[in-house]
Protein backbone atom coordinates (compact mmCIF):
# COMPACT_ATOMS: atom_id res chain seq x y z
CA UNK A 1 80.94 -6.44 -26.20
CA UNK A 2 82.74 -9.61 -27.52
CA UNK A 3 86.25 -8.38 -26.41
CA UNK A 4 84.76 -6.44 -22.85
CA UNK A 5 83.03 -10.11 -22.35
CA UNK A 6 87.02 -11.07 -22.70
CA UNK A 7 88.00 -8.66 -20.41
CA UNK A 8 85.63 -8.62 -17.69
CA UNK A 9 85.73 -12.56 -16.68
CA UNK A 10 90.28 -11.52 -17.18
CA UNK A 11 89.55 -9.04 -14.08
CA UNK A 12 88.10 -11.96 -12.67
CA UNK A 13 90.12 -14.57 -12.44
CA UNK A 14 92.63 -11.63 -12.08
CA UNK A 15 90.72 -10.62 -8.58
CA UNK A 16 92.34 -6.78 -8.48
CA UNK A 17 90.41 -4.79 -7.85
CA UNK A 18 92.54 -2.08 -8.74
CA UNK A 19 93.37 -3.23 -12.01
CA UNK A 20 89.81 -3.76 -12.78
CA UNK A 21 88.85 0.49 -12.23
CA UNK A 22 92.23 0.88 -14.01
CA UNK A 23 91.00 -1.43 -16.90
CA UNK A 24 87.57 0.38 -17.05
CA UNK A 25 88.80 4.50 -17.36
CA UNK A 26 90.98 3.50 -20.23
CA UNK A 27 87.16 1.96 -21.51
CA UNK A 28 85.69 4.80 -20.70
CA UNK A 29 84.19 7.22 -24.42
CA UNK A 30 84.86 10.21 -22.87
CA UNK A 31 85.44 13.10 -20.00
CA UNK A 32 82.43 13.55 -17.48
CA UNK A 33 80.25 16.93 -17.43
CA UNK A 34 81.45 19.54 -15.15
CA UNK A 35 78.64 19.05 -12.89
CA UNK A 36 79.47 14.89 -12.67
CA UNK A 37 83.51 15.38 -12.47
CA UNK A 38 84.12 14.64 -8.85
CA UNK A 39 82.64 11.45 -10.02
CA UNK A 40 85.63 11.17 -12.25
CA UNK A 41 87.06 6.96 -12.48
CA UNK A 42 83.90 6.69 -9.53
CA UNK A 43 82.25 4.31 -12.92
CA UNK A 44 80.45 2.70 -10.36
CA UNK A 45 78.94 4.96 -8.78
CA UNK A 46 76.91 5.53 -12.19
CA UNK A 47 77.09 2.08 -13.83
CA UNK A 48 76.56 -1.72 -12.73
CA UNK A 49 78.32 -3.86 -14.37
CA UNK A 50 76.37 -5.87 -16.99
CA UNK A 51 72.83 -4.65 -16.20
CA UNK A 52 72.20 -1.15 -17.97
CA UNK A 53 68.76 -1.37 -15.92
CA UNK A 54 69.94 -0.65 -13.02
CA UNK A 55 71.64 2.52 -14.35
CA UNK A 56 68.74 4.58 -13.03
CA UNK A 57 68.61 3.64 -9.39
CA UNK A 58 71.99 5.09 -9.44
CA UNK A 59 70.62 8.49 -10.96
CA UNK A 60 68.15 8.85 -8.30
CA UNK A 61 69.61 7.98 -5.59
CA UNK A 62 72.07 11.12 -6.54
CA UNK A 63 69.05 13.44 -7.91
CA UNK A 64 66.64 12.56 -5.10
CA UNK A 65 64.37 15.39 -5.46
CA UNK A 66 63.95 13.73 -8.62
CA UNK A 67 63.22 10.50 -7.14
CA UNK A 68 60.63 12.00 -4.68
CA UNK A 69 58.31 14.23 -8.19
CA UNK A 70 58.67 10.53 -9.82
CA UNK A 71 56.71 8.15 -6.57
CA UNK A 72 54.18 11.35 -6.26
CA UNK A 73 54.01 12.20 -9.26
CA UNK A 74 54.52 15.45 -9.48
CA UNK A 75 56.73 17.85 -10.80
CA UNK A 76 57.70 17.42 -14.68
CA UNK A 77 59.16 13.42 -14.52
CA UNK A 78 56.46 13.23 -12.21
CA UNK A 79 53.82 13.82 -15.17
CA UNK A 80 55.99 12.62 -18.53
CA UNK A 81 55.89 8.86 -19.74
CA UNK A 82 58.40 6.64 -18.13
CA UNK A 83 61.38 6.86 -19.14
CA UNK A 84 65.44 5.71 -18.83
CA UNK A 85 67.08 8.57 -17.49
CA UNK A 86 70.02 8.31 -20.44
CA UNK A 87 66.93 8.76 -23.04
CA UNK A 88 67.79 12.58 -21.92
CA UNK A 89 70.66 13.40 -19.27
CA UNK A 90 73.79 12.06 -21.88
CA UNK A 91 77.03 12.39 -20.33
CA UNK A 92 80.80 11.76 -21.36
CA UNK A 93 80.79 14.13 -23.62
CA UNK A 94 83.44 16.17 -22.33
CA UNK A 95 83.65 19.09 -19.58
CA UNK A 96 81.70 21.47 -21.40
CA UNK A 97 78.98 19.34 -22.60
CA UNK A 98 75.75 19.75 -21.43
CA UNK A 99 73.28 17.08 -19.42
CA UNK A 100 69.69 18.56 -20.30
CA UNK A 101 69.10 19.53 -23.50
CA UNK A 102 65.38 21.23 -23.76
CA UNK A 103 63.76 23.31 -26.00
CA UNK A 104 62.69 25.96 -24.91
CA UNK A 105 60.26 26.64 -28.05
CA UNK A 106 58.74 22.90 -27.92
CA UNK A 107 58.99 22.49 -23.93
CA UNK A 108 55.43 21.36 -22.87
CA UNK A 109 55.22 23.97 -20.04
CA UNK A 110 52.23 21.95 -18.74
CA UNK A 111 53.41 19.50 -17.19
CA UNK A 112 55.49 21.13 -14.83
CA UNK A 113 53.78 22.40 -11.38
CA UNK A 114 53.43 26.11 -12.93
CA UNK A 115 51.05 26.12 -16.06
CA UNK A 116 51.52 28.95 -18.36
CA UNK A 117 48.75 30.92 -18.62
CA UNK A 118 47.28 34.56 -19.64
CA UNK A 119 50.25 37.02 -19.65
CA UNK A 120 52.03 34.13 -18.66
CA UNK A 121 52.14 32.46 -21.73
CA UNK A 122 52.75 34.68 -24.48
CA UNK A 123 56.07 34.06 -26.47
CA UNK A 124 57.95 37.31 -25.78
CA UNK A 125 57.83 36.29 -22.12
CA UNK A 126 61.40 34.51 -22.22
CA UNK A 127 62.44 31.66 -20.07
CA UNK A 128 65.11 33.37 -18.05
CA UNK A 129 62.41 34.89 -16.56
CA UNK A 130 61.75 33.12 -14.16
CA UNK A 131 64.74 30.54 -14.92
CA UNK A 132 68.00 32.74 -14.20
CA UNK A 133 71.37 30.90 -15.00
CA UNK A 134 73.46 28.57 -13.21
CA UNK A 135 69.94 27.82 -11.71
CA UNK A 136 67.99 24.49 -12.05
CA UNK A 137 64.56 25.12 -13.58
CA UNK A 138 62.41 22.67 -10.31
CA UNK A 139 64.22 26.25 -8.74
CA UNK A 140 62.23 29.32 -10.96
CA UNK A 141 59.86 30.25 -8.04
CA UNK A 142 56.19 29.20 -7.68
CA UNK A 143 54.35 31.75 -5.93
CA UNK A 144 53.27 34.95 -7.30
CA UNK A 145 54.45 37.59 -4.47
CA UNK A 146 58.13 35.73 -5.89
CA UNK A 147 58.11 37.61 -8.69
CA UNK A 148 54.83 40.84 -8.21
CA UNK A 149 55.93 41.74 -4.61
CA UNK A 150 58.04 45.61 -5.93
CA UNK A 151 54.70 45.50 -7.84
CA UNK A 152 52.46 44.54 -4.56
CA UNK A 153 50.51 47.94 -3.10
CA UNK A 154 49.58 46.56 0.26
CA UNK A 155 53.07 45.50 1.13
CA UNK A 156 52.25 42.04 2.32
CA UNK A 157 49.65 43.50 4.41
CA UNK A 158 47.07 40.98 2.72
CA UNK A 159 49.59 38.12 2.48
CA UNK A 160 50.77 36.17 -0.33
CA UNK A 161 47.95 34.90 -2.01
CA UNK A 162 47.69 37.34 -4.83
CA UNK A 163 46.09 34.96 -7.08
CA UNK A 164 42.90 35.56 -4.39
CA UNK A 165 41.99 38.36 -6.57
CA UNK A 166 44.53 38.92 -9.92
CA UNK A 167 44.60 36.75 -13.01
CA UNK A 168 47.18 35.54 -14.25
CA UNK A 169 45.76 37.59 -18.37
CA UNK A 170 46.74 41.01 -16.44
CA UNK A 171 48.43 41.51 -12.93
CA UNK A 172 45.42 45.08 -13.07
CA UNK A 173 42.56 43.53 -13.38
CA UNK A 174 41.09 42.31 -10.13
CA UNK A 175 39.00 38.65 -9.97
CA UNK A 176 38.60 39.20 -5.70
CA UNK A 177 35.27 37.65 -4.90
CA UNK A 178 33.94 39.48 -2.75
CA UNK A 179 30.62 37.63 -2.24
CA UNK A 180 32.67 34.84 0.17
CA UNK A 181 34.05 37.76 2.61
CA UNK A 182 32.31 38.68 5.99
CA UNK A 183 30.56 41.60 3.43
CA UNK A 184 28.86 39.85 0.55
CA UNK A 185 28.32 43.04 -1.50
CA UNK A 186 24.48 42.97 -2.59
CA UNK A 187 22.05 45.84 -4.33
CA UNK A 188 23.73 49.04 -4.55
CA UNK A 189 27.38 48.17 -3.16
CA UNK A 190 27.43 45.81 -6.04
CA UNK A 191 28.32 49.02 -8.33
CA UNK A 192 30.17 50.98 -6.37
CA UNK A 193 33.88 51.53 -6.57
CA UNK A 194 36.75 50.15 -4.87
CA UNK A 195 38.27 53.22 -3.17
CA UNK A 196 34.53 54.25 -1.79
CA UNK A 197 34.90 52.12 0.94
CA UNK A 198 38.67 51.14 0.59
CA UNK A 199 40.59 54.81 1.99
CA UNK A 200 43.85 52.57 1.48
CA UNK A 201 45.41 49.95 0.19
CA UNK A 202 44.73 48.07 3.65
CA UNK A 203 41.42 46.35 2.29
CA UNK A 204 41.26 45.57 6.13
CA UNK A 205 40.30 48.25 7.20
CA UNK A 206 37.50 49.00 5.11
CA UNK A 207 34.71 49.25 8.28
CA UNK A 208 31.88 46.13 7.86
CA UNK A 209 28.57 48.41 9.05
CA UNK A 210 26.47 50.25 8.37
CA UNK A 211 27.34 53.05 10.05
CA UNK A 212 30.89 52.79 9.60
CA UNK A 213 29.45 54.63 6.08
CA UNK A 214 26.10 55.65 6.75
CA UNK A 215 26.38 58.02 9.53
CA UNK A 216 25.64 60.93 8.57
CA UNK A 217 22.36 59.02 6.82
CA UNK A 218 21.37 58.54 10.09
CA UNK A 219 18.07 60.11 11.06
CA UNK A 220 17.26 58.52 14.12
CA UNK A 221 21.16 60.29 15.53
CA UNK A 222 21.41 56.91 16.91
CA UNK A 223 19.17 56.43 19.19
CA UNK A 224 17.78 53.17 17.52
CA UNK A 225 21.24 52.11 17.96
CA UNK A 226 23.42 50.69 14.89
CA UNK A 227 22.24 48.07 13.41
CA UNK A 228 20.55 49.94 10.63
CA UNK A 229 20.34 46.68 8.46
CA UNK A 230 17.70 45.61 11.06
CA UNK A 231 14.76 48.44 8.79
CA UNK A 232 17.35 49.39 6.41
CA UNK A 233 18.21 46.89 3.03
CA UNK A 234 21.41 47.13 0.29
CA UNK A 235 17.99 47.87 -1.80
CA UNK A 236 18.08 51.52 -1.12
CA UNK A 237 18.72 53.15 1.97
CA UNK A 238 14.95 54.90 2.00
CA UNK A 239 13.72 51.49 1.33
CA UNK A 240 12.81 49.79 4.92
CA UNK A 241 13.35 45.92 4.58
CA UNK A 242 12.21 46.24 9.05
CA UNK A 243 9.44 43.10 8.84
CA UNK A 244 7.31 43.86 12.76
CA UNK A 245 5.49 40.20 12.45
CA UNK A 246 8.80 37.67 11.12
CA UNK A 247 11.25 40.28 12.68
CA UNK A 248 10.09 40.53 16.11
CA UNK A 249 7.95 38.97 18.79
CA UNK A 250 5.27 41.33 18.43
CA UNK A 251 3.25 41.49 14.60
CA UNK A 252 1.51 44.41 14.46
CA UNK A 253 -2.18 43.55 13.60
CA UNK A 254 -5.40 46.32 13.39
CA UNK A 255 -4.91 49.43 15.22
CA UNK A 256 -1.00 48.19 15.57
CA UNK A 257 0.26 48.60 12.34
CA UNK A 258 -0.69 52.44 11.70
CA UNK A 259 1.53 53.73 14.51
CA UNK A 260 4.38 56.10 14.45
CA UNK A 261 7.75 53.58 15.09
CA UNK A 262 8.45 56.47 17.93
CA UNK A 263 4.43 55.84 20.14
CA UNK A 264 5.81 52.95 21.30
CA UNK A 265 9.90 53.35 20.95
CA UNK A 266 10.88 56.34 22.87
CA UNK A 267 14.58 55.42 23.46
CA UNK A 268 17.14 53.28 22.76
CA UNK A 269 15.54 50.34 19.94
CA UNK A 270 17.85 48.22 21.10
CA UNK A 271 19.09 49.13 24.99
CA UNK A 272 15.94 49.48 25.72
CA UNK A 273 13.67 46.86 24.85
CA UNK A 274 9.81 47.33 25.15
CA UNK A 275 7.51 44.80 26.90
CA UNK A 276 6.13 42.34 24.68
CA UNK A 277 2.99 42.78 26.83
CA UNK A 278 -0.83 44.76 26.54
CA UNK A 279 -0.78 45.79 30.12
CA UNK A 280 2.01 47.60 29.44
CA UNK A 281 1.11 50.70 27.22
CA UNK A 282 -2.44 49.99 28.19
CA UNK A 283 -2.45 49.74 32.08
CA UNK A 284 -4.19 53.25 31.47
CA UNK A 285 -6.95 52.41 29.92
CA UNK A 286 -7.77 49.48 32.13
CA UNK A 287 -11.31 49.31 34.10
CA UNK A 288 -11.30 46.15 35.47
CA UNK A 289 -7.79 47.72 37.96
CA UNK A 290 -6.39 44.93 37.41
CA UNK A 291 -8.67 42.82 38.44
CA UNK A 292 -8.73 40.74 35.35
CA UNK A 293 -4.81 40.02 35.45
CA UNK A 294 -2.59 41.39 32.32
CA UNK A 295 -3.63 39.30 29.62
CA UNK A 296 -5.78 41.73 28.66
CA UNK A 297 -5.20 40.17 24.01
CA UNK A 298 -7.95 37.91 25.64
CA UNK A 299 -10.43 39.90 25.27
CA UNK A 300 -9.58 43.15 23.87
CA UNK A 301 -7.88 42.65 19.43
CA UNK A 302 -6.51 45.33 17.85
CA UNK A 303 -8.50 46.32 15.69
CA UNK A 304 -10.20 48.63 18.68
CA UNK A 305 -9.53 49.07 22.36
CA UNK A 306 -13.35 48.80 23.14
CA UNK A 307 -13.85 45.82 20.69
CA UNK A 308 -13.65 42.96 23.46
CA UNK A 309 -13.02 39.76 21.47
CA UNK A 310 -13.09 37.30 24.37
CA UNK A 311 -13.99 33.42 23.75
CA UNK A 312 -16.35 32.87 26.78
CA UNK A 313 -15.96 29.02 25.61
CA UNK A 314 -12.64 28.52 26.95
CA UNK A 315 -14.10 29.13 30.61
CA UNK A 316 -15.85 27.11 32.15
CA UNK A 317 -19.48 28.70 31.53
CA UNK A 318 -19.38 28.56 27.16
CA UNK A 319 -21.89 30.86 26.07
CA UNK A 320 -24.91 28.56 24.49
CA UNK A 321 -28.44 29.00 23.17
CA UNK A 322 -29.50 32.33 24.49
CA UNK A 323 -27.01 32.86 26.63
CA UNK A 324 -24.71 34.53 23.23
CA UNK A 325 -27.19 37.37 22.82
CA UNK A 326 -27.01 39.20 26.15
CA UNK A 327 -24.74 41.72 27.02
CA UNK A 328 -21.84 41.02 29.33
CA UNK A 329 -23.28 43.63 31.64
CA UNK A 330 -26.45 41.39 32.28
CA UNK A 331 -24.29 38.93 34.03
CA UNK A 332 -21.35 40.82 35.42
CA UNK A 333 -22.52 43.76 37.52
CA UNK A 334 -19.09 45.66 37.78
CA UNK A 335 -15.77 45.36 36.22
CA UNK A 336 -14.91 42.60 38.31
CA UNK A 337 -16.10 39.98 35.95
CA UNK A 338 -14.37 36.57 38.03
CA UNK A 339 -17.33 37.78 40.42
CA UNK A 340 -20.15 36.24 38.74
CA UNK A 341 -21.10 32.96 39.62
CA UNK A 342 -20.55 29.97 37.29
CA UNK A 343 -23.98 28.57 38.23
CA UNK A 344 -27.35 28.30 36.23
CA UNK A 345 -29.18 29.08 40.01
CA UNK A 346 -26.87 31.67 40.53
CA UNK A 347 -29.14 33.60 37.76
CA UNK A 348 -32.39 31.50 37.65
CA UNK A 349 -32.82 30.95 41.74
CA UNK A 350 -36.29 33.18 41.37
CA UNK A 351 -37.24 30.79 38.07
CA UNK A 352 -36.95 26.96 39.60
CA UNK A 353 -40.27 26.03 39.84
CA UNK A 354 -39.26 22.61 41.99
CA UNK A 355 -38.18 25.25 44.66
CA UNK A 356 -34.75 22.87 44.94
CA UNK A 357 -35.99 20.36 45.05
CA UNK A 358 -34.58 19.11 42.62
CA UNK A 359 -31.02 19.97 43.75
CA UNK A 360 -29.16 22.60 41.84
CA UNK A 361 -28.25 21.56 38.99
CA UNK A 362 -30.77 22.86 37.29
CA UNK A 363 -28.70 22.26 33.39
CA UNK A 364 -29.43 18.58 33.85
CA UNK A 365 -33.22 18.74 32.47
CA UNK A 366 -33.38 22.72 31.60
CA UNK A 367 -31.19 24.12 28.25
CA UNK A 368 -29.16 27.49 27.09
CA UNK A 369 -32.69 27.53 24.34
CA UNK A 370 -35.19 28.18 26.32
CA UNK A 371 -35.82 27.58 30.47
CA UNK A 372 -38.82 26.58 29.51
CA UNK A 373 -37.83 23.94 27.48
CA UNK A 374 -36.39 20.70 29.15
CA UNK A 375 -33.50 18.59 27.55
CA UNK A 376 -33.87 15.72 31.01
CA UNK A 377 -32.02 12.73 29.27
CA UNK A 378 -34.60 9.95 31.10
CA UNK A 379 -32.45 7.12 29.30
CA UNK A 380 -29.98 8.15 32.15
CA UNK A 381 -32.13 7.21 34.85
CA UNK A 382 -33.53 4.30 36.05
CA UNK A 383 -36.13 4.15 33.97
CA UNK A 384 -35.56 4.80 30.26
CA UNK A 385 -39.06 6.32 28.53
CA UNK A 386 -39.32 4.35 26.27
CA UNK A 387 -42.52 3.11 23.83
CA UNK A 388 -45.78 4.92 24.73
CA UNK A 389 -43.45 5.97 27.69
CA UNK A 390 -41.72 8.32 25.42
CA UNK A 391 -44.82 10.43 24.54
CA UNK A 392 -46.01 10.43 28.20
CA UNK A 393 -46.08 14.15 29.45
CA UNK A 394 -43.73 14.96 32.46
CA UNK A 395 -47.07 16.44 34.88
CA UNK A 396 -48.92 12.71 33.75
CA UNK A 397 -45.85 10.89 36.01
CA UNK A 398 -44.64 13.00 38.82
CA UNK A 399 -48.14 15.11 40.49
CA UNK A 400 -45.42 17.15 42.82
CA UNK A 401 -42.58 19.30 41.70
CA UNK A 402 -40.17 16.90 43.45
CA UNK A 403 -39.80 14.39 40.78
CA UNK A 404 -37.36 12.08 43.00
CA UNK A 405 -40.93 10.57 44.47
CA UNK A 406 -42.64 9.31 41.15
CA UNK A 407 -42.49 5.72 41.32
CA UNK A 408 -40.26 3.17 39.06
CA UNK A 409 -42.67 0.47 38.75
CA UNK A 410 -45.19 -0.28 36.79
CA UNK A 411 -48.15 -1.57 38.77
CA UNK A 412 -47.14 2.68 40.86
CA UNK A 413 -48.93 4.07 38.00
CA UNK A 414 -50.82 1.02 36.11
CA UNK A 415 -52.15 -0.42 39.26
CA UNK A 416 -56.30 0.76 37.95
CA UNK A 417 -55.12 -0.73 34.05
CA UNK A 418 -54.40 -4.60 36.36
CA UNK A 419 -57.45 -6.72 34.71
CA UNK A 420 -55.99 -9.57 37.13
CA UNK A 421 -56.53 -7.79 40.15
CA UNK A 422 -53.34 -8.36 41.52
CA UNK A 423 -52.92 -11.78 41.39
CA UNK A 424 -49.69 -12.12 38.95
CA UNK A 425 -48.13 -9.70 41.27
CA UNK A 426 -46.69 -6.41 40.22
CA UNK A 427 -44.36 -7.54 37.42
CA UNK A 428 -46.90 -5.78 34.95
CA UNK A 429 -43.37 -5.88 32.77
CA UNK A 430 -43.25 -9.82 32.61
CA UNK A 431 -45.94 -9.96 30.32
CA UNK A 432 -46.65 -6.07 29.34
CA UNK A 433 -44.00 -3.77 26.92
CA UNK A 434 -43.45 0.07 27.23
CA UNK A 435 -45.10 0.09 23.68
CA UNK A 436 -48.92 -0.59 24.56
CA UNK A 437 -50.73 -2.21 27.45
CA UNK A 438 -52.74 -4.70 25.60
CA UNK A 439 -49.68 -5.34 23.86
CA UNK A 440 -48.42 -8.60 26.44
CA UNK A 441 -45.08 -10.20 25.52
CA UNK A 442 -45.15 -12.79 27.64
CA UNK A 443 -42.63 -15.58 26.90
CA UNK A 444 -44.72 -18.62 27.26
CA UNK A 445 -42.06 -21.40 26.55
CA UNK A 446 -40.29 -20.71 30.34
CA UNK A 447 -43.62 -22.29 32.12
CA UNK A 448 -44.43 -25.58 32.38
CA UNK A 449 -46.66 -25.08 29.74
CA UNK A 450 -45.04 -24.33 25.76
CA UNK A 451 -46.74 -23.84 22.96
CA UNK A 452 -46.33 -25.93 20.51
CA UNK A 453 -47.85 -25.98 17.18
CA UNK A 454 -51.54 -25.87 17.44
CA UNK A 455 -51.30 -23.79 20.55
CA UNK A 456 -49.42 -20.55 18.99
CA UNK A 457 -51.96 -19.36 17.41
CA UNK A 458 -54.75 -20.07 20.31
CA UNK A 459 -56.42 -16.45 21.69
CA UNK A 460 -54.95 -16.79 25.32
CA UNK A 461 -58.73 -16.33 26.62
CA UNK A 462 -59.05 -19.94 25.10
CA UNK A 463 -57.07 -21.69 27.82
CA UNK A 464 -57.05 -18.76 30.43
CA UNK A 465 -60.75 -18.35 30.85
CA UNK A 466 -60.52 -16.29 34.50
CA UNK A 467 -58.11 -13.20 35.49
CA UNK A 468 -56.00 -15.58 37.18
CA UNK A 469 -53.62 -17.36 34.72
CA UNK A 470 -52.01 -19.71 36.82
CA UNK A 471 -54.85 -21.22 37.31
CA UNK A 472 -55.03 -22.33 33.78
CA UNK A 473 -53.78 -26.93 33.83
CA UNK A 474 -51.49 -28.00 31.57
CA UNK A 475 -52.95 -30.92 30.96
CA UNK A 476 -54.46 -31.62 27.78
CA UNK A 477 -57.49 -33.28 28.85
CA UNK A 478 -58.21 -29.78 30.90
CA UNK A 479 -59.02 -28.70 27.84
CA UNK A 480 -59.65 -31.00 25.29
CA UNK A 481 -61.98 -33.34 27.00
CA UNK A 482 -65.04 -33.16 24.93
CA UNK A 483 -62.39 -33.50 21.92
CA UNK A 484 -62.22 -37.17 23.30
CA UNK A 485 -63.97 -39.70 21.16
CA UNK A 486 -62.14 -42.76 23.15
CA UNK A 487 -64.54 -41.23 26.38
CA UNK A 488 -61.52 -41.51 28.26
CA UNK A 489 -61.22 -45.32 27.79
CA UNK A 490 -57.75 -44.22 26.61
CA UNK A 491 -56.55 -42.65 29.58
CA UNK A 492 -56.32 -38.96 29.99
CA UNK A 493 -52.28 -38.92 28.48
CA UNK A 494 -54.12 -37.91 24.72
CA UNK A 495 -50.33 -36.23 24.37
CA UNK A 496 -49.86 -39.80 23.97
CA UNK A 497 -50.75 -40.59 20.49
CA UNK A 498 -52.15 -37.31 19.95
CA UNK A 499 -49.68 -33.41 18.48
CA UNK A 500 -49.69 -30.02 19.62
CA UNK A 501 -49.70 -29.58 15.68
CA UNK A 502 -53.69 -30.93 15.53
CA UNK A 503 -55.56 -32.98 17.48
CA UNK A 504 -57.02 -35.41 14.59
CA UNK A 505 -53.03 -36.53 13.77
CA UNK A 506 -51.01 -38.54 16.08
CA UNK A 507 -48.13 -40.61 15.97
CA UNK A 508 -48.13 -43.22 18.18
CA UNK A 509 -45.66 -45.58 17.89
CA UNK A 510 -47.11 -48.83 18.09
CA UNK A 511 -44.14 -51.20 17.22
CA UNK A 512 -41.55 -49.00 19.96
CA UNK A 513 -44.13 -48.09 23.25
CA UNK A 514 -46.31 -51.22 22.53
CA UNK A 515 -43.77 -54.11 21.68
CA UNK A 516 -46.36 -55.07 19.27
CA UNK A 517 -45.89 -53.57 15.54
CA UNK A 518 -48.62 -53.16 13.45
CA UNK A 519 -49.07 -54.80 10.13
CA UNK A 520 -50.77 -56.47 7.98
CA UNK A 521 -54.97 -56.20 8.42
CA UNK A 522 -53.58 -54.85 12.13
CA UNK A 523 -52.50 -51.76 10.28
CA UNK A 524 -56.04 -51.02 9.72
CA UNK A 525 -57.97 -51.32 12.38
CA UNK A 526 -59.42 -48.89 14.63
CA UNK A 527 -57.57 -48.60 18.19
CA UNK A 528 -60.74 -49.58 19.98
CA UNK A 529 -61.21 -52.84 17.83
CA UNK A 530 -58.73 -54.38 20.27
CA UNK A 531 -58.16 -52.13 23.46
CA UNK A 532 -62.45 -52.35 24.81
CA UNK A 533 -61.71 -50.84 28.01
CA UNK A 534 -60.49 -48.07 29.48
CA UNK A 535 -56.39 -47.58 29.56
CA UNK A 536 -56.52 -46.93 32.86
CA UNK A 537 -56.61 -49.35 35.87
CA UNK A 538 -57.89 -52.35 33.22
CA UNK A 539 -55.12 -54.37 32.81
CA UNK A 540 -52.60 -54.37 29.17
CA UNK A 541 -53.46 -56.14 26.27
CA UNK A 542 -51.44 -59.50 25.82
CA UNK A 543 -48.91 -59.49 23.04
CA UNK A 544 -50.38 -63.02 21.83
CA UNK A 545 -52.57 -63.80 18.71
CA UNK A 546 -54.99 -65.65 21.36
CA UNK A 547 -55.72 -63.24 23.62
CA UNK A 548 -57.71 -61.71 20.71
CA UNK A 549 -58.63 -65.07 18.03
CA UNK A 550 -59.60 -67.32 20.73
CA UNK A 551 -63.31 -67.14 18.59
CA UNK A 552 -61.28 -67.71 15.49
CA UNK A 553 -59.49 -70.68 16.57
CA UNK A 554 -60.54 -73.99 14.96
CA UNK A 555 -58.83 -76.16 15.36
CA UNK A 556 -59.64 -75.75 19.63
CA UNK A 557 -56.81 -75.24 21.21
CA UNK A 558 -55.29 -78.09 19.91
CA UNK A 559 -52.51 -76.70 18.76
CA UNK A 560 -51.42 -74.03 20.93
CA UNK A 561 -51.03 -70.89 21.87
CA UNK A 562 -48.73 -69.21 18.96
CA UNK A 563 -51.16 -68.89 16.52
CA UNK A 564 -48.24 -66.84 14.38
CA UNK A 565 -46.68 -70.07 13.36
CA UNK A 566 -48.96 -71.01 10.82
CA UNK A 567 -51.21 -68.38 10.61
CA UNK A 568 -49.93 -64.38 8.86
CA UNK A 569 -51.21 -60.82 9.97
CA UNK A 570 -52.52 -60.48 6.40
CA UNK A 571 -55.50 -62.45 7.12
CA UNK A 572 -56.07 -65.21 9.61
CA UNK A 573 -57.62 -67.38 7.24
CA UNK A 574 -54.39 -67.35 5.42
CA UNK A 575 -52.10 -70.02 6.70
CA UNK A 576 -48.36 -70.41 5.74
CA UNK A 577 -47.24 -73.69 4.71
CA UNK A 578 -44.02 -75.37 5.96
CA UNK A 579 -41.81 -78.05 4.53
CA UNK A 580 -40.55 -80.71 6.65
CA UNK A 581 -37.22 -82.24 6.21
CA UNK A 582 -38.55 -85.45 3.64
CA UNK A 583 -40.06 -83.07 1.25
CA UNK A 584 -43.76 -83.26 2.96
CA UNK A 585 -46.55 -80.72 3.94
CA UNK A 586 -46.78 -80.76 8.28
């Protein structure tokens, strides 16, 4: 190594390329192999001075296909562990040396693009069978047809993908998946031998239609077309798989299920398609002569043409109550059912005892359960029936068949029950309710005299002596004159002192309303003790002590009229002592 470095330095100083090349030739370890003989003397094609790691890149510059394998991780070189090229391939051993030293018995073919399986992996199969001499191993064929072309009995008509049918275990054993074709093998077709359908090696010529193989089995003589699978199944030719209910737009029900196919399908099943309408087959059975249209299924059923299933509830006149039990011909006099009137009066004119006075909408009052039973909803009128009115018979108010002339006000029917003789007007409902005529519901709170306290339990007649309730006066004295123990001396405004709870309880506030608080001995006095004259027309009492106690003044007015400066209300004889500025009594 030291010698090489000295030589290289000398060459650099010398600056002679030719001399350097000549010297490299002298240092060569030996002649190159035959494959690299053209590069003899051109060391730099494979070597970079002082950089052994750069040798790999120079190898791949020439062996480009190996470089592609390494980059794409394919082929043998792309799958083995990364290593320098010189680890396996050495040169400079003479023209006859082999650069590739391969142990065929230890070589792992699984790391190539063609793993050996089945018969390909048998020991008796030599490498040269696929790898001819003087050819690169990578040039070996990778398709089945490359080796087995002469064994292809299909002569290439099925393409080059032999592996789709054949396996590596044995060329004669096939693994073709018929389920991936347009004709998967099911039922009875599964055990049939290939040659039964494939008459030649060109399997693509085999028919894929039922009629292609079963024309001799077609008892319909092609009258029903060639789509045998519509009715027949691959489970057995005689087993019918056709479901008329699911596979067509006309489900077979009732009598239709027992009808033979030929009864309806008289022509080609697919060319002469039948109409899925009743009238198409039953026109001769239409006794209505087309007057009711062609939707026979609205009335008739598949169980029997003569059995009707018409749903009258879907018409303008649903059958309810007694109508449900009436026979069709009772209303429908002819086969043209549409000429029947859809109104009550159309059939019940003779039963109308109102003679048309209430109009023709009989259903407003009468029901289908019975003509004589009424279902009239009086609550929808201007006079709903409440309380006792709900129990009154219609004739009690409606005197004639023209119910519209019946009065709607209370007075119209209850004039004879008016004990007030019309003096309170005609609005009887202001006091009376529909529950009972004798029970009043008058709201006294809306008058000038609302009822409070003890007044709430007083019978009306106590205050209203006559039938003219408006004559009652709202003043207390008008009812309580005999209860006035003051004999009118305190005036007629009884409510000034008395309240509605009870006549004997009073709540006059003397301090607030008379500006003279009653305390001491004053609180125990009766009103008449001070108020000796009637209040009305009499002068009001003075609030001074002297106005009541002038006769008790022993000072004869010597100390003035302000008695309260010395006397107290608890007792006139009790005086309050006052202490002067000098501390003596005054």
